[in-house]
């Protein structure tokens, strides 16, 4: 007997998402004098731009400050792209709870 899992997708939220939103875009960022390359999906780059603007800084400044904050708090940053994605999600969730 085979089982079938059906997921109800409301208003085609996922199917109507243009591929340009989730294809990775690689950008070079200077953090503490070192140039590093970060690969994130367009939606995350857009969110980082919005967050940085709300903080009154440029995106690269915001990203560098997140890195330094994480470094000071944890001693190292194991997966910085995951940290950036998490920061974006936390930002969205905090706006929903206002």
PDB file of N, CA and C in Angstrom:
ATOM      1  N   UNK A   1       0.848  -1.169   0.000  1.00  0.00           N
ATOM      2  CA  UNK A   1       0.000   0.000   0.000  1.00  0.00           C
ATOM      3  C   UNK A   1       0.901   1.242   0.000  1.00  0.00           C
ATOM      4  N   UNK A   2       0.674   2.125  -0.914  1.00  0.00           N
ATOM      5  CA  UNK A   2       1.447   3.359  -0.963  1.00  0.00           C
ATOM      6  C   UNK A   2       0.640   4.483  -0.347  1.00  0.00           C
ATOM      7  N   UNK A   3       1.335   5.333   0.338  1.00  0.00           N
ATOM      8  CA  UNK A   3       0.648   6.481   0.927  1.00  0.00           C
ATOM      9  C   UNK A   3       1.029   7.723   0.155  1.00  0.00           C
ATOM     10  N   UNK A   4       0.108   8.599   0.062  1.00  0.00           N
ATOM     11  CA  UNK A   4       0.329   9.843  -0.659  1.00  0.00           C
ATOM     12  C   UNK A   4       0.138  11.002   0.310  1.00  0.00           C
ATOM     13  N   UNK A   5       1.096  11.878   0.326  1.00  0.00           N
ATOM     14  CA  UNK A   5       0.996  13.051   1.176  1.00  0.00           C
ATOM     15  C   UNK A   5       0.549  14.211   0.301  1.00  0.00           C
ATOM     16  N   UNK A   6      -0.491  14.848   0.717  1.00  0.00           N
ATOM     17  CA  UNK A   6      -0.996  15.999  -0.021  1.00  0.00           C
ATOM     18  C   UNK A   6      -0.805  17.241   0.825  1.00  0.00           C
ATOM     19  N   UNK A   7      -0.240  18.219   0.216  1.00  0.00           N
ATOM     20  CA  UNK A   7      -0.038  19.492   0.892  1.00  0.00           C
ATOM     21  C   UNK A   7      -0.931  20.515   0.209  1.00  0.00           C
ATOM     22  N   UNK A   8      -1.738  21.160   1.009  1.00  0.00           N
ATOM     23  CA  UNK A   8      -2.615  22.190   0.455  1.00  0.00           C
ATOM     24  C   UNK A   8      -1.828  23.492   0.402  1.00  0.00           C
ATOM     25  N   UNK A   9      -1.617  23.982  -0.800  1.00  0.00           N
ATOM     26  CA  UNK A   9      -0.891  25.228  -0.996  1.00  0.00           C
ATOM     27  C   UNK A   9      -1.915  26.330  -1.232  1.00  0.00           C
ATOM     28  N   UNK A  10      -1.897  27.308  -0.362  1.00  0.00           N
ATOM     29  CA  UNK A  10      -2.872  28.390  -0.450  1.00  0.00           C
ATOM     30  C   UNK A  10      -2.451  29.393  -1.509  1.00  0.00           C
ATOM     31  N   UNK A  11      -3.341  29.693  -2.415  1.00  0.00           N
ATOM     32  CA  UNK A  11      -3.148  30.720  -3.440  1.00  0.00           C
ATOM     33  C   UNK A  11      -1.851  30.544  -4.223  1.00  0.00           C
ATOM     34  N   UNK A  12      -1.416  29.308  -4.414  1.00  0.00           N
ATOM     35  CA  UNK A  12      -0.201  29.043  -5.175  1.00  0.00           C
ATOM     36  C   UNK A  12       0.988  29.872  -4.702  1.00  0.00           C
ATOM     37  N   UNK A  13       1.110  30.046  -3.410  1.00  0.00           N
ATOM     38  CA  UNK A  13       2.172  30.857  -2.823  1.00  0.00           C
ATOM     39  C   UNK A  13       3.553  30.436  -3.322  1.00  0.00           C
ATOM     40  N   UNK A  14       3.768  29.154  -3.439  1.00  0.00           N
ATOM     41  CA  UNK A  14       5.084  28.667  -3.826  1.00  0.00           C
ATOM     42  C   UNK A  14       5.231  28.558  -5.338  1.00  0.00           C
ATOM     43  N   UNK A  15       4.175  28.190  -6.029  1.00  0.00           N
ATOM     44  CA  UNK A  15       4.265  28.003  -7.471  1.00  0.00           C
ATOM     45  C   UNK A  15       4.334  29.319  -8.228  1.00  0.00           C
ATOM     46  N   UNK A  16       3.781  30.368  -7.671  1.00  0.00           N
ATOM     47  CA  UNK A  16       3.822  31.671  -8.323  1.00  0.00           C
ATOM     48  C   UNK A  16       5.098  32.441  -8.013  1.00  0.00           C
ATOM     49  N   UNK A  17       5.974  31.861  -7.213  1.00  0.00           N
ATOM     50  CA  UNK A  17       7.217  32.513  -6.831  1.00  0.00           C
ATOM     51  C   UNK A  17       8.197  32.474  -8.008  1.00  0.00           C
ATOM     52  N   UNK A  18       8.581  33.616  -8.563  1.00  0.00           N
ATOM     53  CA  UNK A  18       9.504  33.600  -9.704  1.00  0.00           C
ATOM     54  C   UNK A  18      10.848  32.975  -9.320  1.00  0.00           C
ATOM     55  N   UNK A  19      11.433  32.258 -10.249  1.00  0.00           N
ATOM     56  CA  UNK A  19      12.717  31.607  -9.953  1.00  0.00           C
ATOM     57  C   UNK A  19      13.790  32.621  -9.587  1.00  0.00           C
ATOM     58  N   UNK A  20      13.664  33.840 -10.066  1.00  0.00           N
ATOM     59  CA  UNK A  20      14.666  34.862  -9.734  1.00  0.00           C
ATOM     60  C   UNK A  20      14.705  35.152  -8.235  1.00  0.00           C
ATOM     61  N   UNK A  21      13.630  34.856  -7.518  1.00  0.00           N
ATOM     62  CA  UNK A  21      13.592  35.105  -6.079  1.00  0.00           C
ATOM     63  C   UNK A  21      14.418  34.113  -5.281  1.00  0.00           C
ATOM     64  N   UNK A  22      14.578  32.911  -5.809  1.00  0.00           N
ATOM     65  CA  UNK A  22      15.281  31.910  -5.012  1.00  0.00           C
ATOM     66  C   UNK A  22      16.581  31.410  -5.627  1.00  0.00           C
ATOM     67  N   UNK A  23      16.981  31.972  -6.740  1.00  0.00           N
ATOM     68  CA  UNK A  23      18.295  31.632  -7.275  1.00  0.00           C
ATOM     69  C   UNK A  23      19.360  32.381  -6.476  1.00  0.00           C
ATOM     70  N   UNK A  24      20.459  31.715  -6.164  1.00  0.00           N
ATOM     71  CA  UNK A  24      21.485  32.379  -5.352  1.00  0.00           C
ATOM     72  C   UNK A  24      22.215  33.482  -6.129  1.00  0.00           C
ATOM     73  N   UNK A  25      22.522  34.538  -5.410  1.00  0.00           N
ATOM     74  CA  UNK A  25      23.316  35.646  -5.940  1.00  0.00           C
ATOM     75  C   UNK A  25      24.520  35.791  -5.028  1.00  0.00           C
ATOM     76  N   UNK A  26      25.679  35.820  -5.634  1.00  0.00           N
ATOM     77  CA  UNK A  26      26.914  35.913  -4.861  1.00  0.00           C
ATOM     78  C   UNK A  26      27.410  37.355  -4.872  1.00  0.00           C
ATOM     79  N   UNK A  27      27.747  37.864  -3.683  1.00  0.00           N
ATOM     80  CA  UNK A  27      28.257  39.229  -3.555  1.00  0.00           C
ATOM     81  C   UNK A  27      29.498  39.214  -2.685  1.00  0.00           C
ATOM     82  N   UNK A  28      30.399  40.142  -2.973  1.00  0.00           N
ATOM     83  CA  UNK A  28      31.604  40.304  -2.161  1.00  0.00           C
ATOM     84  C   UNK A  28      31.346  41.364  -1.111  1.00  0.00           C
ATOM     85  N   UNK A  29      31.751  41.061   0.109  1.00  0.00           N
ATOM     86  CA  UNK A  29      31.549  41.947   1.246  1.00  0.00           C
ATOM     87  C   UNK A  29      32.889  42.096   1.972  1.00  0.00           C
ATOM     88  N   UNK A  30      33.207  43.302   2.397  1.00  0.00           N
ATOM     89  CA  UNK A  30      34.418  43.529   3.193  1.00  0.00           C
ATOM     90  C   UNK A  30      34.016  43.571   4.666  1.00  0.00           C
ATOM     91  N   UNK A  31      34.609  42.672   5.430  1.00  0.00           N
ATOM     92  CA  UNK A  31      34.345  42.605   6.874  1.00  0.00           C
ATOM     93  C   UNK A  31      35.692  42.645   7.590  1.00  0.00           C
ATOM     94  N   UNK A  32      35.871  43.647   8.422  1.00  0.00           N
ATOM     95  CA  UNK A  32      37.108  43.834   9.182  1.00  0.00           C
ATOM     96  C   UNK A  32      38.339  43.764   8.271  1.00  0.00           C
ATOM     97  N   UNK A  33      38.266  44.412   7.121  1.00  0.00           N
ATOM     98  CA  UNK A  33      39.396  44.478   6.212  1.00  0.00           C
ATOM     99  C   UNK A  33      39.573  43.267   5.310  1.00  0.00           C
ATOM    100  N   UNK A  34      38.772  42.240   5.491  1.00  0.00           N
ATOM    101  CA  UNK A  34      38.868  41.034   4.675  1.00  0.00           C
ATOM    102  C   UNK A  34      37.671  40.961   3.730  1.00  0.00           C
ATOM    103  N   UNK A  35      37.948  40.622   2.482  1.00  0.00           N
ATOM    104  CA  UNK A  35      36.874  40.467   1.511  1.00  0.00           C
ATOM    105  C   UNK A  35      36.415  39.012   1.537  1.00  0.00           C
ATOM    106  N   UNK A  36      35.114  38.841   1.664  1.00  0.00           N
ATOM    107  CA  UNK A  36      34.540  37.504   1.651  1.00  0.00           C
ATOM    108  C   UNK A  36      33.378  37.484   0.666  1.00  0.00           C
ATOM    109  N   UNK A  37      33.048  36.323   0.214  1.00  0.00           N
ATOM    110  CA  UNK A  37      31.959  36.158  -0.734  1.00  0.00           C
ATOM    111  C   UNK A  37      30.782  35.497  -0.030  1.00  0.00           C
ATOM    112  N   UNK A  38      29.598  36.073  -0.215  1.00  0.00           N
ATOM    113  CA  UNK A  38      28.386  35.550   0.413  1.00  0.00           C
ATOM    114  C   UNK A  38      27.375  35.236  -0.681  1.00  0.00           C
ATOM    115  N   UNK A  39      26.796  34.057  -0.620  1.00  0.00           N
ATOM    116  CA  UNK A  39      25.798  33.637  -1.589  1.00  0.00           C
ATOM    117  C   UNK A  39      24.449  33.499  -0.882  1.00  0.00           C
ATOM    118  N   UNK A  40      23.499  34.336  -1.294  1.00  0.00           N
ATOM    119  CA  UNK A  40      22.143  34.318  -0.735  1.00  0.00           C
ATOM    120  C   UNK A  40      21.134  34.478  -1.865  1.00  0.00           C
ATOM    121  N   UNK A  41      19.922  34.073  -1.602  1.00  0.00           N
ATOM    122  CA  UNK A  41      18.838  34.243  -2.550  1.00  0.00           C
ATOM    123  C   UNK A  41      18.442  35.726  -2.612  1.00  0.00           C
ATOM    124  N   UNK A  42      17.909  36.132  -3.766  1.00  0.00           N
ATOM    125  CA  UNK A  42      17.552  37.540  -3.983  1.00  0.00           C
ATOM    126  C   UNK A  42      16.637  38.080  -2.882  1.00  0.00           C
ATOM    127  N   UNK A  43      15.681  37.290  -2.459  1.00  0.00           N
ATOM    128  CA  UNK A  43      14.768  37.765  -1.411  1.00  0.00           C
ATOM    129  C   UNK A  43      15.513  38.125  -0.132  1.00  0.00           C
ATOM    130  N   UNK A  44      16.547  37.362   0.203  1.00  0.00           N
ATOM    131  CA  UNK A  44      17.322  37.675   1.408  1.00  0.00           C
ATOM    132  C   UNK A  44      18.162  38.933   1.210  1.00  0.00           C
ATOM    133  N   UNK A  45      18.733  39.116   0.009  1.00  0.00           N
ATOM    134  CA  UNK A  45      19.471  40.364  -0.248  1.00  0.00           C
ATOM    135  C   UNK A  45      18.524  41.556  -0.137  1.00  0.00           C
ATOM    136  N   UNK A  46      17.325  41.413  -0.672  1.00  0.00           N
ATOM    137  CA  UNK A  46      16.343  42.500  -0.593  1.00  0.00           C
ATOM    138  C   UNK A  46      15.969  42.802   0.856  1.00  0.00           C
ATOM    139  N   UNK A  47      15.767  41.754   1.639  1.00  0.00           N
ATOM    140  CA  UNK A  47      15.441  41.952   3.057  1.00  0.00           C
ATOM    141  C   UNK A  47      16.590  42.606   3.804  1.00  0.00           C
ATOM    142  N   UNK A  48      17.812  42.190   3.529  1.00  0.00           N
ATOM    143  CA  UNK A  48      18.970  42.808   4.180  1.00  0.00           C
ATOM    144  C   UNK A  48      19.064  44.288   3.825  1.00  0.00           C
ATOM    145  N   UNK A  49      18.719  44.635   2.582  1.00  0.00           N
ATOM    146  CA  UNK A  49      18.683  46.048   2.190  1.00  0.00           C
ATOM    147  C   UNK A  49      17.648  46.809   3.016  1.00  0.00           C
ATOM    148  N   UNK A  50      16.467  46.222   3.186  1.00  0.00           N
ATOM    149  CA  UNK A  50      15.404  46.868   3.960  1.00  0.00           C
ATOM    150  C   UNK A  50      15.803  47.039   5.421  1.00  0.00           C
ATOM    151  N   UNK A  51      16.391  45.991   5.994  1.00  0.00           N
ATOM    152  CA  UNK A  51      16.797  46.060   7.402  1.00  0.00           C
ATOM    153  C   UNK A  51      17.866  47.121   7.579  1.00  0.00           C
ATOM    154  N   UNK A  52      18.859  47.118   6.696  1.00  0.00           N
ATOM    155  CA  UNK A  52      19.942  48.098   6.790  1.00  0.00           C
ATOM    156  C   UNK A  52      19.388  49.520   6.675  1.00  0.00           C
ATOM    157  N   UNK A  53      18.482  49.717   5.713  1.00  0.00           N
ATOM    158  CA  UNK A  53      17.882  51.037   5.540  1.00  0.00           C
ATOM    159  C   UNK A  53      17.141  51.471   6.802  1.00  0.00           C
ATOM    160  N   UNK A  54      16.429  50.543   7.440  1.00  0.00           N
ATOM    161  CA  UNK A  54      15.704  50.881   8.673  1.00  0.00           C
ATOM    162  C   UNK A  54      16.651  51.233   9.815  1.00  0.00           C
ATOM    163  N   UNK A  55      17.905  50.752   9.717  1.00  0.00           N
ATOM    164  CA  UNK A  55      18.919  51.049  10.722  1.00  0.00           C
ATOM    165  C   UNK A  55      19.741  52.295  10.353  1.00  0.00           C
ATOM    166  N   UNK A  56      19.494  52.820   9.154  1.00  0.00           N
ATOM    167  CA  UNK A  56      20.191  54.016   8.711  1.00  0.00           C
ATOM    168  C   UNK A  56      21.624  53.762   8.249  1.00  0.00           C
ATOM    169  N   UNK A  57      21.890  52.524   7.790  1.00  0.00           N
ATOM    170  CA  UNK A  57      23.230  52.186   7.308  1.00  0.00           C
ATOM    171  C   UNK A  57      23.125  51.487   5.960  1.00  0.00           C
ATOM    172  N   UNK A  58      24.258  51.341   5.301  1.00  0.00           N
ATOM    173  CA  UNK A  58      24.301  50.591   4.051  1.00  0.00           C
ATOM    174  C   UNK A  58      24.305  49.095   4.376  1.00  0.00           C
ATOM    175  N   UNK A  59      23.885  48.288   3.385  1.00  0.00           N
ATOM    176  CA  UNK A  59      23.787  46.840   3.586  1.00  0.00           C
ATOM    177  C   UNK A  59      25.107  46.235   4.058  1.00  0.00           C
ATOM    178  N   UNK A  60      26.206  46.578   3.408  1.00  0.00           N
ATOM    179  CA  UNK A  60      27.490  45.991   3.796  1.00  0.00           C
ATOM    180  C   UNK A  60      27.883  46.358   5.218  1.00  0.00           C
ATOM    181  N   UNK A  61      27.564  47.581   5.645  1.00  0.00           N
ATOM    182  CA  UNK A  61      27.830  47.986   7.021  1.00  0.00           C
ATOM    183  C   UNK A  61      27.000  47.152   7.988  1.00  0.00           C
ATOM    184  N   UNK A  62      25.740  46.938   7.641  1.00  0.00           N
ATOM    185  CA  UNK A  62      24.860  46.148   8.494  1.00  0.00           C
ATOM    186  C   UNK A  62      25.355  44.709   8.615  1.00  0.00           C
ATOM    187  N   UNK A  63      25.738  44.122   7.478  1.00  0.00           N
ATOM    188  CA  UNK A  63      26.234  42.744   7.477  1.00  0.00           C
ATOM    189  C   UNK A  63      27.511  42.642   8.308  1.00  0.00           C
ATOM    190  N   UNK A  64      28.412  43.593   8.146  1.00  0.00           N
ATOM    191  CA  UNK A  64      29.659  43.586   8.920  1.00  0.00           C
ATOM    192  C   UNK A  64      29.369  43.715  10.410  1.00  0.00           C
ATOM    193  N   UNK A  65      28.400  44.562  10.775  1.00  0.00           N
ATOM    194  CA  UNK A  65      28.073  44.719  12.200  1.00  0.00           C
ATOM    195  C   UNK A  65      27.449  43.451  12.770  1.00  0.00           C
ATOM    196  N   UNK A  66      26.647  42.732  11.967  1.00  0.00           N
ATOM    197  CA  UNK A  66      26.107  41.445  12.423  1.00  0.00           C
ATOM    198  C   UNK A  66      27.228  40.436  12.671  1.00  0.00           C
ATOM    199  N   UNK A  67      28.179  40.410  11.761  1.00  0.00           N
ATOM    200  CA  UNK A  67      29.308  39.486  11.903  1.00  0.00           C
ATOM    201  C   UNK A  67      30.084  39.796  13.182  1.00  0.00           C
ATOM    202  N   UNK A  68      30.396  41.061  13.391  1.00  0.00           N
ATOM    203  CA  UNK A  68      31.169  41.454  14.580  1.00  0.00           C
ATOM    204  C   UNK A  68      30.385  41.149  15.851  1.00  0.00           C
ATOM    205  N   UNK A  69      29.091  41.426  15.835  1.00  0.00           N
ATOM    206  CA  UNK A  69      28.237  41.131  16.999  1.00  0.00           C
ATOM    207  C   UNK A  69      28.245  39.631  17.301  1.00  0.00           C
ATOM    208  N   UNK A  70      28.091  38.807  16.265  1.00  0.00           N
ATOM    209  CA  UNK A  70      28.092  37.349  16.454  1.00  0.00           C
ATOM    210  C   UNK A  70      29.462  36.876  16.933  1.00  0.00           C
ATOM    211  N   UNK A  71      30.514  37.446  16.382  1.00  0.00           N
ATOM    212  CA  UNK A  71      31.868  37.090  16.792  1.00  0.00           C
ATOM    213  C   UNK A  71      32.101  37.434  18.258  1.00  0.00           C
ATOM    214  N   UNK A  72      31.673  38.606  18.670  1.00  0.00           N
ATOM    215  CA  UNK A  72      31.828  39.020  20.068  1.00  0.00           C
ATOM    216  C   UNK A  72      30.989  38.166  21.010  1.00  0.00           C
ATOM    217  N   UNK A  73      29.830  37.760  20.557  1.00  0.00           N
ATOM    218  CA  UNK A  73      28.926  36.998  21.412  1.00  0.00           C
ATOM    219  C   UNK A  73      29.294  35.519  21.495  1.00  0.00           C
ATOM    220  N   UNK A  74      29.696  34.924  20.355  1.00  0.00           N
ATOM    221  CA  UNK A  74      29.938  33.477  20.299  1.00  0.00           C
ATOM    222  C   UNK A  74      31.412  33.089  20.170  1.00  0.00           C
ATOM    223  N   UNK A  75      32.263  34.042  19.847  1.00  0.00           N
ATOM    224  CA  UNK A  75      33.676  33.731  19.689  1.00  0.00           C
ATOM    225  C   UNK A  75      34.065  33.325  18.279  1.00  0.00           C
ATOM    226  N   UNK A  76      33.118  32.855  17.500  1.00  0.00           N
ATOM    227  CA  UNK A  76      33.343  32.545  16.088  1.00  0.00           C
ATOM    228  C   UNK A  76      32.001  32.524  15.373  1.00  0.00           C
ATOM    229  N   UNK A  77      32.056  32.489  14.056  1.00  0.00           N
ATOM    230  CA  UNK A  77      30.839  32.444  13.258  1.00  0.00           C
ATOM    231  C   UNK A  77      30.988  31.267  12.307  1.00  0.00           C
ATOM    232  N   UNK A  78      30.294  30.178  12.608  1.00  0.00           N
ATOM    233  CA  UNK A  78      30.459  28.940  11.844  1.00  0.00           C
ATOM    234  C   UNK A  78      29.751  28.967  10.489  1.00  0.00           C
ATOM    235  N   UNK A  79      28.553  29.498  10.429  1.00  0.00           N
ATOM    236  CA  UNK A  79      27.797  29.520   9.177  1.00  0.00           C
ATOM    237  C   UNK A  79      27.139  30.884   9.031  1.00  0.00           C
ATOM    238  N   UNK A  80      27.888  31.814   8.480  1.00  0.00           N
ATOM    239  CA  UNK A  80      27.431  33.201   8.427  1.00  0.00           C
ATOM    240  C   UNK A  80      26.204  33.389   7.541  1.00  0.00           C
ATOM    241  N   UNK A  81      26.113  32.661   6.436  1.00  0.00           N
ATOM    242  CA  UNK A  81      24.937  32.804   5.579  1.00  0.00           C
ATOM    243  C   UNK A  81      23.668  32.364   6.305  1.00  0.00           C
ATOM    244  N   UNK A  82      23.771  31.321   7.116  1.00  0.00           N
ATOM    245  CA  UNK A  82      22.612  30.905   7.915  1.00  0.00           C
ATOM    246  C   UNK A  82      22.249  31.976   8.935  1.00  0.00           C
ATOM    247  N   UNK A  83      23.262  32.599   9.515  1.00  0.00           N
ATOM    248  CA  UNK A  83      23.015  33.690  10.457  1.00  0.00           C
ATOM    249  C   UNK A  83      22.279  34.832   9.762  1.00  0.00           C
ATOM    250  N   UNK A  84      22.692  35.160   8.535  1.00  0.00           N
ATOM    251  CA  UNK A  84      22.023  36.234   7.798  1.00  0.00           C
ATOM    252  C   UNK A  84      20.574  35.877   7.484  1.00  0.00           C
ATOM    253  N   UNK A  85      20.343  34.646   7.055  1.00  0.00           N
ATOM    254  CA  UNK A  85      18.960  34.215   6.781  1.00  0.00           C
ATOM    255  C   UNK A  85      18.121  34.262   8.056  1.00  0.00           C
ATOM    256  N   UNK A  86      18.688  33.802   9.156  1.00  0.00           N
ATOM    257  CA  UNK A  86      17.969  33.822  10.440  1.00  0.00           C
ATOM    258  C   UNK A  86      17.652  35.249  10.863  1.00  0.00           C
ATOM    259  N   UNK A  87      18.580  36.162  10.654  1.00  0.00           N
ATOM    260  CA  UNK A  87      18.342  37.567  10.999  1.00  0.00           C
ATOM    261  C   UNK A  87      17.177  38.122  10.181  1.00  0.00           C
ATOM    262  N   UNK A  88      17.107  37.739   8.915  1.00  0.00           N
ATOM    263  CA  UNK A  88      16.000  38.188   8.061  1.00  0.00           C
ATOM    264  C   UNK A  88      14.665  37.654   8.568  1.00  0.00           C
ATOM    265  N   UNK A  89      14.630  36.384   8.912  1.00  0.00           N
ATOM    266  CA  UNK A  89      13.388  35.776   9.417  1.00  0.00           C
ATOM    267  C   UNK A  89      13.000  36.413  10.750  1.00  0.00           C
ATOM    268  N   UNK A  90      13.983  36.623  11.629  1.00  0.00           N
ATOM    269  CA  UNK A  90      13.684  37.269  12.910  1.00  0.00           C
ATOM    270  C   UNK A  90      13.122  38.666  12.698  1.00  0.00           C
ATOM    271  N   UNK A  91      13.660  39.382  11.732  1.00  0.00           N
ATOM    272  CA  UNK A  91      13.168  40.726  11.420  1.00  0.00           C
ATOM    273  C   UNK A  91      11.699  40.675  10.986  1.00  0.00           C
ATOM    274  N   UNK A  92      11.376  39.738  10.110  1.00  0.00           N
ATOM    275  CA  UNK A  92       9.988  39.595   9.636  1.00  0.00           C
ATOM    276  C   UNK A  92       9.070  39.232  10.805  1.00  0.00           C
ATOM    277  N   UNK A  93       9.490  38.272  11.617  1.00  0.00           N
ATOM    278  CA  UNK A  93       8.664  37.838  12.740  1.00  0.00           C
ATOM    279  C   UNK A  93       8.466  38.971  13.755  1.00  0.00           C
ATOM    280  N   UNK A  94       9.494  39.769  13.984  1.00  0.00           N
ATOM    281  CA  UNK A  94       9.363  40.861  14.953  1.00  0.00           C
ATOM    282  C   UNK A  94       8.391  41.929  14.443  1.00  0.00           C
ATOM    283  N   UNK A  95       8.335  42.126  13.116  1.00  0.00           N
ATOM    284  CA  UNK A  95       7.394  43.086  12.537  1.00  0.00           C
ATOM    285  C   UNK A  95       5.966  42.577  12.656  1.00  0.00           C
ATOM    286  N   UNK A  96       5.779  41.245  12.570  1.00  0.00           N
ATOM    287  CA  UNK A  96       4.440  40.669  12.688  1.00  0.00           C
ATOM    288  C   UNK A  96       3.911  40.760  14.107  1.00  0.00           C
ATOM    289  N   UNK A  97       4.814  40.804  15.086  1.00  0.00           N
ATOM    290  CA  UNK A  97       4.402  40.830  16.488  1.00  0.00           C
ATOM    291  C   UNK A  97       4.276  42.231  17.059  1.00  0.00           C
ATOM    292  N   UNK A  98       4.361  43.241  16.202  1.00  0.00           N
ATOM    293  CA  UNK A  98       4.259  44.627  16.682  1.00  0.00           C
ATOM    294  C   UNK A  98       2.840  44.972  16.944  1.00  0.00           C
TER     295      UNK A  98
END
